[in-house]
Amino acid sequence: MASISLRGVQKAYGDSVPVIRDVNLEIGKNEFCVFLGPSGCGKSTLLRMIAGLEDVTDGDISIGGKLMNDVSAAQRGVAMVFQSYALFPHMTVYENMAFGLKLAKTPKAAIDRKVREAAHILQLEALLDRYPKALSGGQRQRVAIGRAIVREPGVFLFDEPLSNLDATLRGQTRIEIARLHKQFANASVVYVTHDQIEAMTLADKIVLLHSGKDTERYGSIAQIGAPLDLYHRPASRFVAGFIGSPRMNFLPASVTSIDAGGVTVTLAGSAESVTLPRDGRRTAVGAPVTLGVRPEHLEPADLRTFDRDAPSALTLTRTVTLVESLGEHSYVHLDQPDGTVLIAKAPGDARLQSGDNAQFRAPATACHLFGDDGFAITALESIEHPV
């Protein structure tokens, strides 16, 4: 098993603006780390630098405590699974899985044992004599994973391995990858995806990356943490808007008072206000702020059991413009004074329809507050986020 360390890593092509800026990251032994972010943020580039397929412009990459900047990809002890499967069409499943071992001059008996063990784990035993063209997309991806497994590497690198699969196969293969990580407890995994469901369900640690001009101002990394840390404690409006589906609602507001109980804000264009348990030292009375609330925390008021007059909740009265009925629950679209759309979550049997005027509430502890710079105004230490 091997840990991975990135110190001050940057990547630029020629004299162009760096696509990766100032990445400092520690990936522990047996850790499942997911690189997540929008298209073009450099996720795959960062992965390829770890693999040795891209040179590092600046900074150091170490694997297992050894500096790897000048070590070839073949000598790094890592195995990579590509988005496109990269199987040899003229080779059988068995031959594809055995190919790397043959290049390494592994004894024939050891090759056969390793290939058949991997095939058993991945349920490919009945397919070993087939060619890739006779396999489904999910089966081809399992073969690509099997080719990596037989090498018994200290590090597995996955570059968007599920993006070519349909929704059902993505779910099934995601479960298989999670199971494999538990089974191969000696290996660390670095996994690239733009799909936050994959990231939230697979990762021990998420590295969320900025893109575009944000990298010039903040560096490439927006936040590092466990999935629920990024969900409950986003460091910035960017993180809050990227993690969660549907995305977090953002409401412009201003600070109206600050005291020991927290920060009171009033929404723009209305008299609606809420007191949030936030550290007032990060803002000032009159300062513009953004109030964030996730759709799943904003529900019809008649579902809430706390005192309707208590100041510990955000209460909004809005006109329903659309109801998305999904069975168990519905997403309710609400009209905003500024013409934007606010989304709330309601039970599937809630009797709401377009044109209704309804009241919705969210606990103050479930709301988020962001300063004019886009960074989160942190919670008071005594307050815990709801789970």
Foldseek 3Di string as FASTA:
>chain_A
DKKKWWAQWWADDPPDDILFGGDTDIGDWLFEEEEAEDPSSCQVVVLCCQLQNDATPDTFMDIRNHTCRPPHNVPNQEAEQEQVLPFDQVAFLLCRLLVVVVVVVPDPVLSVVLLVVLCVLLVCNVRRGPGPVPDDLLVSLSSSVSSRVSSVGQEYEYEANCPPDDPVSSVVVLVSVQVVSVVSSRHYYYYYDHDLVSVLVRGQKYFYFDGDPVCVVPGGTQDMHHNVCLDQPPFFQVSQQSPDPVGKDKFKWFWADQDCQATKIATPPDRFIAGAQFDCVVDDHGFIKIKIAHQAQKEFPVVDDDDPPDRQKGKDKFFWAAWAQDDQKIWTWTADPVRDTDIHIYGNPDPDDGGDTTMIMGGSLRMWMAGPVGTTRGGDPVRDHDD
